[in-house]
Amino acid sequence: FRDILRSLGADEVVPGGQTMNPSIEDLLNAVRACNAKGVVLLPNNGNVILTAQQVDALAEDISVRVVPTRNLPQGIAALLAYDSSAELAENCQRMEDAIRTVRGVEITRAVRDSTTNGKEIKTGDVIAIVDDEITQVGEEYLPVIDAVLREGSAPELVTLYHGEEVNTATAETLVDALRQAHPKVEFELHEGGQEHYPYVLSLE
């Protein structure tokens, strides 16, 4: 994901993850490293948005704006909407418009027994987190992802990023099965390299 973000124009990528949210100092140092008068921060995590919003007051002589991306798919959509010839405010608007067209889905396994939204979850179950809310639970990745794609209106494009614990061949087999089940949807597969989440999906 770090390479993908940089390839789309991100000047600085601050490490983060499920258990290591960046500090205000981490974000402020990254803002200063950009050597720019105006910087857009993409938190890419709902837990980082409030921290990111505190950076502007500390960044002397730098105008810092936060586009409240809650996951990596939204961050990528925002970067794709960025126009280097546009003003800061216009770019923020473009990016915010873009993230509203994307649903981010994180697929992982439950680490403990719990009950969420009326769903009984056992340790080891596959869970789908759609825009910060658990919507599907099951035993295997394919049925859970298939159920997510059948929620609401069907997406036109699904971009699937496989994590570090999933090899490319396994991910390709999964995507092939999804293509057969959803022939009208376009699928793309990329290596995300993320920890904790075997699959992250962008639904557009």
C-alpha atoms as a PDB file:
ATOM      1  CA  PHE A   1       0.000   0.000   0.000  1.00  0.00           C
ATOM      2  CA  ARG A   2       2.889   2.360   0.738  1.00  0.00           C
ATOM      3  CA  ASP A   3       4.175   1.952  -2.821  1.00  0.00           C
ATOM      4  CA  ILE A   4       0.676   2.394  -4.259  1.00  0.00           C
ATOM      5  CA  LEU A   5       0.112   5.622  -2.319  1.00  0.00           C
ATOM      6  CA  ARG A   6       3.464   7.041  -3.409  1.00  0.00           C
ATOM      7  CA  SER A   7       2.817   6.076  -7.030  1.00  0.00           C
ATOM      8  CA  LEU A   8      -0.396   8.120  -6.878  1.00  0.00           C
ATOM      9  CA  GLY A   9       1.445  11.219  -5.689  1.00  0.00           C
ATOM     10  CA  ALA A  10       1.624  11.038  -1.892  1.00  0.00           C
ATOM     11  CA  ASP A  11       4.748  12.918  -0.749  1.00  0.00           C
ATOM     12  CA  GLU A  12       4.916  11.299   2.683  1.00  0.00           C
ATOM     13  CA  VAL A  13       3.414   8.051   4.023  1.00  0.00           C
ATOM     14  CA  VAL A  14       3.271   7.736   7.814  1.00  0.00           C
ATOM     15  CA  PRO A  15       3.354   4.136   9.090  1.00  0.00           C
ATOM     16  CA  GLY A  16       0.229   3.035  10.928  1.00  0.00           C
ATOM     17  CA  GLY A  17      -1.947   0.042  11.499  1.00  0.00           C
ATOM     18  CA  GLN A  18      -4.400  -1.730  13.739  1.00  0.00           C
ATOM     19  CA  THR A  19      -2.361  -1.215  16.910  1.00  0.00           C
ATOM     20  CA  MET A  20      -0.012   1.640  16.002  1.00  0.00           C
ATOM     21  CA  ASN A  21      -1.925   4.816  15.231  1.00  0.00           C
ATOM     22  CA  PRO A  22       0.476   7.696  14.489  1.00  0.00           C
ATOM     23  CA  SER A  23       0.888  10.537  16.973  1.00  0.00           C
ATOM     24  CA  ILE A  24       0.342  14.228  16.301  1.00  0.00           C
ATOM     25  CA  GLU A  25       4.142  14.592  16.224  1.00  0.00           C
ATOM     26  CA  ASP A  26       4.430  11.851  13.580  1.00  0.00           C
ATOM     27  CA  LEU A  27       1.910  13.632  11.352  1.00  0.00           C
ATOM     28  CA  LEU A  28       3.415  17.075  11.987  1.00  0.00           C
ATOM     29  CA  ASN A  29       6.898  15.828  11.030  1.00  0.00           C
ATOM     30  CA  ALA A  30       5.485  14.370   7.803  1.00  0.00           C
ATOM     31  CA  VAL A  31       3.723  17.647   6.991  1.00  0.00           C
ATOM     32  CA  ARG A  32       6.960  19.590   7.470  1.00  0.00           C
ATOM     33  CA  ALA A  33       8.896  17.073   5.351  1.00  0.00           C
ATOM     34  CA  CYS A  34       6.652  17.894   2.384  1.00  0.00           C
ATOM     35  CA  ASN A  35       8.230  21.379   2.133  1.00  0.00           C
ATOM     36  CA  ALA A  36       4.926  22.841   0.952  1.00  0.00           C
ATOM     37  CA  LYS A  37       2.770  25.814   1.929  1.00  0.00           C
ATOM     38  CA  GLY A  38      -0.361  23.692   1.810  1.00  0.00           C
ATOM     39  CA  VAL A  39      -0.739  20.013   2.721  1.00  0.00           C
ATOM     40  CA  VAL A  40      -3.701  17.644   2.579  1.00  0.00           C
ATOM     41  CA  LEU A  41      -3.695  14.917   5.249  1.00  0.00           C
ATOM     42  CA  LEU A  42      -5.450  11.632   4.513  1.00  0.00           C
ATOM     43  CA  PRO A  43      -5.852   9.709   7.814  1.00  0.00           C
ATOM     44  CA  ASN A  44      -7.053   6.488   6.070  1.00  0.00           C
ATOM     45  CA  ASN A  45      -8.316   5.291   9.454  1.00  0.00           C
ATOM     46  CA  GLY A  46     -11.309   6.465  11.465  1.00  0.00           C
ATOM     47  CA  ASN A  47      -9.217   6.446  14.652  1.00  0.00           C
ATOM     48  CA  VAL A  48      -6.677   8.899  13.193  1.00  0.00           C
ATOM     49  CA  ILE A  49      -9.045  11.629  11.960  1.00  0.00           C
ATOM     50  CA  LEU A  50      -9.188  13.590  15.246  1.00  0.00           C
ATOM     51  CA  THR A  51      -5.405  13.426  15.613  1.00  0.00           C
ATOM     52  CA  ALA A  52      -4.936  14.683  12.055  1.00  0.00           C
ATOM     53  CA  GLN A  53      -7.300  17.594  12.664  1.00  0.00           C
ATOM     54  CA  GLN A  54      -5.027  18.919  15.424  1.00  0.00           C
ATOM     55  CA  VAL A  55      -1.976  19.273  13.166  1.00  0.00           C
ATOM     56  CA  ASP A  56      -2.955  22.526  11.432  1.00  0.00           C
ATOM     57  CA  ALA A  57      -2.767  24.548  14.666  1.00  0.00           C
ATOM     58  CA  LEU A  58       0.809  23.347  15.247  1.00  0.00           C
ATOM     59  CA  ALA A  59       2.137  23.623  11.696  1.00  0.00           C
ATOM     60  CA  GLU A  60       3.453  27.181  11.540  1.00  0.00           C
ATOM     61  CA  ASP A  61       3.282  28.811   8.084  1.00  0.00           C
ATOM     62  CA  ILE A  62       1.729  25.651   6.589  1.00  0.00           C
ATOM     63  CA  SER A  63      -1.966  25.356   5.779  1.00  0.00           C
ATOM     64  CA  VAL A  64      -3.016  21.802   6.685  1.00  0.00           C
ATOM     65  CA  ARG A  65      -6.380  20.402   5.632  1.00  0.00           C
ATOM     66  CA  VAL A  66      -7.795  17.006   6.519  1.00  0.00           C
ATOM     67  CA  VAL A  67      -9.895  14.961   4.106  1.00  0.00           C
ATOM     68  CA  PRO A  68     -11.533  12.439   6.495  1.00  0.00           C
ATOM     69  CA  THR A  69     -10.678   9.171   4.754  1.00  0.00           C
ATOM     70  CA  ARG A  70     -11.619   6.265   7.040  1.00  0.00           C
ATOM     71  CA  ASN A  71      -9.764   3.479   5.203  1.00  0.00           C
ATOM     72  CA  LEU A  72      -7.159   2.894   2.507  1.00  0.00           C
ATOM     73  CA  PRO A  73      -9.656   2.504  -0.389  1.00  0.00           C
ATOM     74  CA  GLN A  74     -10.982   5.984   0.392  1.00  0.00           C
ATOM     75  CA  GLY A  75      -7.424   7.312   0.581  1.00  0.00           C
ATOM     76  CA  ILE A  76      -6.658   5.923  -2.864  1.00  0.00           C
ATOM     77  CA  ALA A  77      -9.883   7.402  -4.281  1.00  0.00           C
ATOM     78  CA  ALA A  78      -8.918  10.782  -2.826  1.00  0.00           C
ATOM     79  CA  LEU A  79      -5.444  10.666  -4.366  1.00  0.00           C
ATOM     80  CA  LEU A  80      -6.906   9.774  -7.756  1.00  0.00           C
ATOM     81  CA  ALA A  81      -9.101  12.890  -7.543  1.00  0.00           C
ATOM     82  CA  TYR A  82      -6.196  15.220  -6.744  1.00  0.00           C
ATOM     83  CA  ASP A  83      -5.390  17.892  -9.340  1.00  0.00           C
ATOM     84  CA  SER A  84      -1.925  19.426  -8.997  1.00  0.00           C
ATOM     85  CA  SER A  85      -3.078  22.588 -10.814  1.00  0.00           C
ATOM     86  CA  ALA A  86      -5.997  23.235  -8.426  1.00  0.00           C
ATOM     87  CA  GLU A  87      -6.053  25.280  -5.233  1.00  0.00           C
ATOM     88  CA  LEU A  88      -5.995  23.588  -1.820  1.00  0.00           C
ATOM     89  CA  ALA A  89      -9.682  24.184  -1.063  1.00  0.00           C
ATOM     90  CA  GLU A  90     -10.768  22.941  -4.482  1.00  0.00           C
ATOM     91  CA  ASN A  91      -8.689  19.794  -4.125  1.00  0.00           C
ATOM     92  CA  CYS A  92     -10.171  19.064  -0.712  1.00  0.00           C
ATOM     93  CA  GLN A  93     -13.648  19.345  -2.192  1.00  0.00           C
ATOM     94  CA  ARG A  94     -12.725  17.084  -5.108  1.00  0.00           C
ATOM     95  CA  MET A  95     -11.271  14.514  -2.729  1.00  0.00           C
ATOM     96  CA  GLU A  96     -14.251  14.597  -0.372  1.00  0.00           C
ATOM     97  CA  ASP A  97     -16.595  14.114  -3.326  1.00  0.00           C
ATOM     98  CA  ALA A  98     -14.489  11.135  -4.446  1.00  0.00           C
ATOM     99  CA  ILE A  99     -14.485   9.310  -1.103  1.00  0.00           C
ATOM    100  CA  ARG A 100     -18.280   9.406  -1.001  1.00  0.00           C
ATOM    101  CA  THR A 101     -18.336   7.142  -4.068  1.00  0.00           C
ATOM    102  CA  VAL A 102     -16.255   4.392  -2.409  1.00  0.00           C
ATOM    103  CA  ARG A 103     -17.086   1.749   0.173  1.00  0.00           C
ATOM    104  CA  GLY A 104     -14.089   0.326   1.985  1.00  0.00           C
ATOM    105  CA  VAL A 105     -14.275  -3.304   3.120  1.00  0.00           C
ATOM    106  CA  GLU A 106     -11.790  -4.919   5.500  1.00  0.00           C
ATOM    107  CA  ILE A 107     -11.817  -8.703   5.811  1.00  0.00           C
ATOM    108  CA  THR A 108     -10.231 -10.292   8.858  1.00  0.00           C
ATOM    109  CA  ARG A 109     -10.713 -13.026  11.458  1.00  0.00           C
ATOM    110  CA  ALA A 110     -12.207 -12.423  14.880  1.00  0.00           C
ATOM    111  CA  VAL A 111      -9.724 -12.567  17.752  1.00  0.00           C
ATOM    112  CA  ARG A 112     -12.380 -13.209  20.439  1.00  0.00           C
ATOM    113  CA  ASP A 113     -16.010 -14.241  20.900  1.00  0.00           C
ATOM    114  CA  SER A 114     -18.442 -11.337  20.732  1.00  0.00           C
ATOM    115  CA  THR A 115     -21.873 -10.162  19.634  1.00  0.00           C
ATOM    116  CA  THR A 116     -22.157  -7.211  17.243  1.00  0.00           C
ATOM    117  CA  ASN A 117     -25.248  -5.907  15.465  1.00  0.00           C
ATOM    118  CA  GLY A 118     -27.118  -9.018  16.560  1.00  0.00           C
ATOM    119  CA  LYS A 119     -24.460 -11.299  15.040  1.00  0.00           C
ATOM    120  CA  GLU A 120     -22.813 -14.015  17.104  1.00  0.00           C
ATOM    121  CA  ILE A 121     -19.088 -13.991  16.377  1.00  0.00           C
ATOM    122  CA  LYS A 122     -16.755 -16.791  17.415  1.00  0.00           C
ATOM    123  CA  THR A 123     -12.978 -16.613  17.646  1.00  0.00           C
ATOM    124  CA  GLY A 124     -11.555 -17.379  14.212  1.00  0.00           C
ATOM    125  CA  ASP A 125     -14.687 -16.397  12.268  1.00  0.00           C
ATOM    126  CA  VAL A 126     -14.215 -14.381   9.111  1.00  0.00           C
ATOM    127  CA  ILE A 127     -15.752 -10.920   9.519  1.00  0.00           C
ATOM    128  CA  ALA A 128     -16.370  -8.153   6.995  1.00  0.00           C
ATOM    129  CA  ILE A 129     -16.026  -4.585   8.243  1.00  0.00           C
ATOM    130  CA  VAL A 130     -17.757  -2.201   5.837  1.00  0.00           C
ATOM    131  CA  ASP A 131     -17.055   1.473   6.561  1.00  0.00           C
ATOM    132  CA  ASP A 132     -16.213   0.666  10.215  1.00  0.00           C
ATOM    133  CA  GLU A 133     -19.241  -1.608  10.798  1.00  0.00           C
ATOM    134  CA  ILE A 134     -19.283  -5.413  10.903  1.00  0.00           C
ATOM    135  CA  THR A 135     -21.890  -6.491   8.357  1.00  0.00           C
ATOM    136  CA  GLN A 136     -21.100 -10.132   7.566  1.00  0.00           C
ATOM    137  CA  VAL A 137     -19.776 -13.118   9.518  1.00  0.00           C
ATOM    138  CA  GLY A 138     -18.850 -16.582   8.258  1.00  0.00           C
ATOM    139  CA  GLU A 139     -16.308 -19.364   8.276  1.00  0.00           C
ATOM    140  CA  GLU A 140     -14.590 -18.758   4.907  1.00  0.00           C
ATOM    141  CA  TYR A 141     -13.456 -15.705   2.961  1.00  0.00           C
ATOM    142  CA  LEU A 142     -15.359 -16.331  -0.280  1.00  0.00           C
ATOM    143  CA  PRO A 143     -18.915 -16.576   1.148  1.00  0.00           C
ATOM    144  CA  VAL A 144     -18.352 -13.552   3.381  1.00  0.00           C
ATOM    145  CA  ILE A 145     -17.026 -11.377   0.538  1.00  0.00           C
ATOM    146  CA  ASP A 146     -19.785 -12.640  -1.760  1.00  0.00           C
ATOM    147  CA  ALA A 147     -22.389 -11.613   0.829  1.00  0.00           C
ATOM    148  CA  VAL A 148     -20.861  -8.123   1.087  1.00  0.00           C
ATOM    149  CA  LEU A 149     -21.084  -7.683  -2.686  1.00  0.00           C
ATOM    150  CA  ARG A 150     -24.771  -8.595  -2.559  1.00  0.00           C
ATOM    151  CA  GLU A 151     -25.554  -5.939   0.064  1.00  0.00           C
ATOM    152  CA  GLY A 152     -27.443  -3.004  -1.416  1.00  0.00           C
ATOM    153  CA  SER A 153     -26.741  -1.940  -4.995  1.00  0.00           C
ATOM    154  CA  ALA A 154     -24.073  -3.926  -6.838  1.00  0.00           C
ATOM    155  CA  PRO A 155     -20.742  -2.132  -7.362  1.00  0.00           C
ATOM    156  CA  GLU A 156     -19.410  -1.520 -10.866  1.00  0.00           C
ATOM    157  CA  LEU A 157     -15.769  -2.037  -9.855  1.00  0.00           C
ATOM    158  CA  VAL A 158     -14.225  -4.041  -7.032  1.00  0.00           C
ATOM    159  CA  THR A 159     -10.509  -3.618  -6.357  1.00  0.00           C
ATOM    160  CA  LEU A 160      -9.150  -6.303  -4.039  1.00  0.00           C
ATOM    161  CA  TYR A 161      -5.847  -5.903  -2.174  1.00  0.00           C
ATOM    162  CA  HIS A 162      -4.437  -9.059  -0.591  1.00  0.00           C
ATOM    163  CA  GLY A 163      -2.452  -8.874   2.635  1.00  0.00           C
ATOM    164  CA  GLU A 164       0.962 -10.225   3.505  1.00  0.00           C
ATOM    165  CA  GLU A 165      -0.385 -13.575   4.740  1.00  0.00           C
ATOM    166  CA  VAL A 166      -2.147 -14.363   1.430  1.00  0.00           C
ATOM    167  CA  ASN A 167      -0.119 -15.434  -1.607  1.00  0.00           C
ATOM    168  CA  THR A 168      -1.005 -14.176  -5.065  1.00  0.00           C
ATOM    169  CA  ALA A 169      -2.205 -17.564  -6.361  1.00  0.00           C
ATOM    170  CA  THR A 170      -4.696 -17.911  -3.497  1.00  0.00           C
ATOM    171  CA  ALA A 171      -5.975 -14.384  -4.075  1.00  0.00           C
ATOM    172  CA  GLU A 172      -6.331 -15.008  -7.810  1.00  0.00           C
ATOM    173  CA  THR A 173      -8.404 -18.136  -7.134  1.00  0.00           C
ATOM    174  CA  LEU A 174     -10.697 -16.096  -4.885  1.00  0.00           C
ATOM    175  CA  VAL A 175     -11.115 -13.345  -7.483  1.00  0.00           C
ATOM    176  CA  ASP A 176     -11.845 -15.885 -10.224  1.00  0.00           C
ATOM    177  CA  ALA A 177     -14.660 -17.305  -8.105  1.00  0.00           C
ATOM    178  CA  LEU A 178     -16.036 -13.829  -7.471  1.00  0.00           C
ATOM    179  CA  ARG A 179     -15.967 -13.044 -11.200  1.00  0.00           C
ATOM    180  CA  GLN A 180     -18.054 -16.148 -11.898  1.00  0.00           C
ATOM    181  CA  ALA A 181     -20.557 -15.206  -9.200  1.00  0.00           C
ATOM    182  CA  HIS A 182     -20.756 -11.549 -10.287  1.00  0.00           C
ATOM    183  CA  PRO A 183     -20.285 -11.465 -14.076  1.00  0.00           C
ATOM    184  CA  LYS A 184     -21.435  -7.836 -14.409  1.00  0.00           C
ATOM    185  CA  VAL A 185     -18.839  -6.531 -11.937  1.00  0.00           C
ATOM    186  CA  GLU A 186     -15.274  -5.636 -12.940  1.00  0.00           C
ATOM    187  CA  PHE A 187     -12.595  -6.987 -10.590  1.00  0.00           C
ATOM    188  CA  GLU A 188      -8.987  -5.891 -10.132  1.00  0.00           C
ATOM    189  CA  LEU A 189      -6.393  -7.567  -7.880  1.00  0.00           C
ATOM    190  CA  HIS A 190      -3.345  -5.927  -6.290  1.00  0.00           C
ATOM    191  CA  GLU A 191      -0.854  -6.817  -3.597  1.00  0.00           C
ATOM    192  CA  GLY A 192      -1.548  -4.611  -0.566  1.00  0.00           C
ATOM    193  CA  GLY A 193       0.922  -6.207   1.842  1.00  0.00           C
ATOM    194  CA  GLN A 194      -1.170  -5.122   4.842  1.00  0.00           C
ATOM    195  CA  GLU A 195      -1.043  -6.851   8.222  1.00  0.00           C
ATOM    196  CA  HIS A 196      -4.067  -8.203  10.127  1.00  0.00           C
ATOM    197  CA  TYR A 197      -6.429  -7.957   7.134  1.00  0.00           C
ATOM    198  CA  PRO A 198      -6.003 -10.768   4.582  1.00  0.00           C
ATOM    199  CA  TYR A 199      -8.159  -8.783   2.162  1.00  0.00           C
ATOM    200  CA  VAL A 200      -9.099  -5.128   1.752  1.00  0.00           C
ATOM    201  CA  LEU A 201     -11.650  -4.233  -0.912  1.00  0.00           C
ATOM    202  CA  SER A 202     -12.634  -1.016  -2.602  1.00  0.00           C
ATOM    203  CA  LEU A 203     -16.215  -0.982  -3.916  1.00  0.00           C
ATOM    204  CA  GLU A 204     -17.099   1.700  -6.443  1.00  0.00           C
END
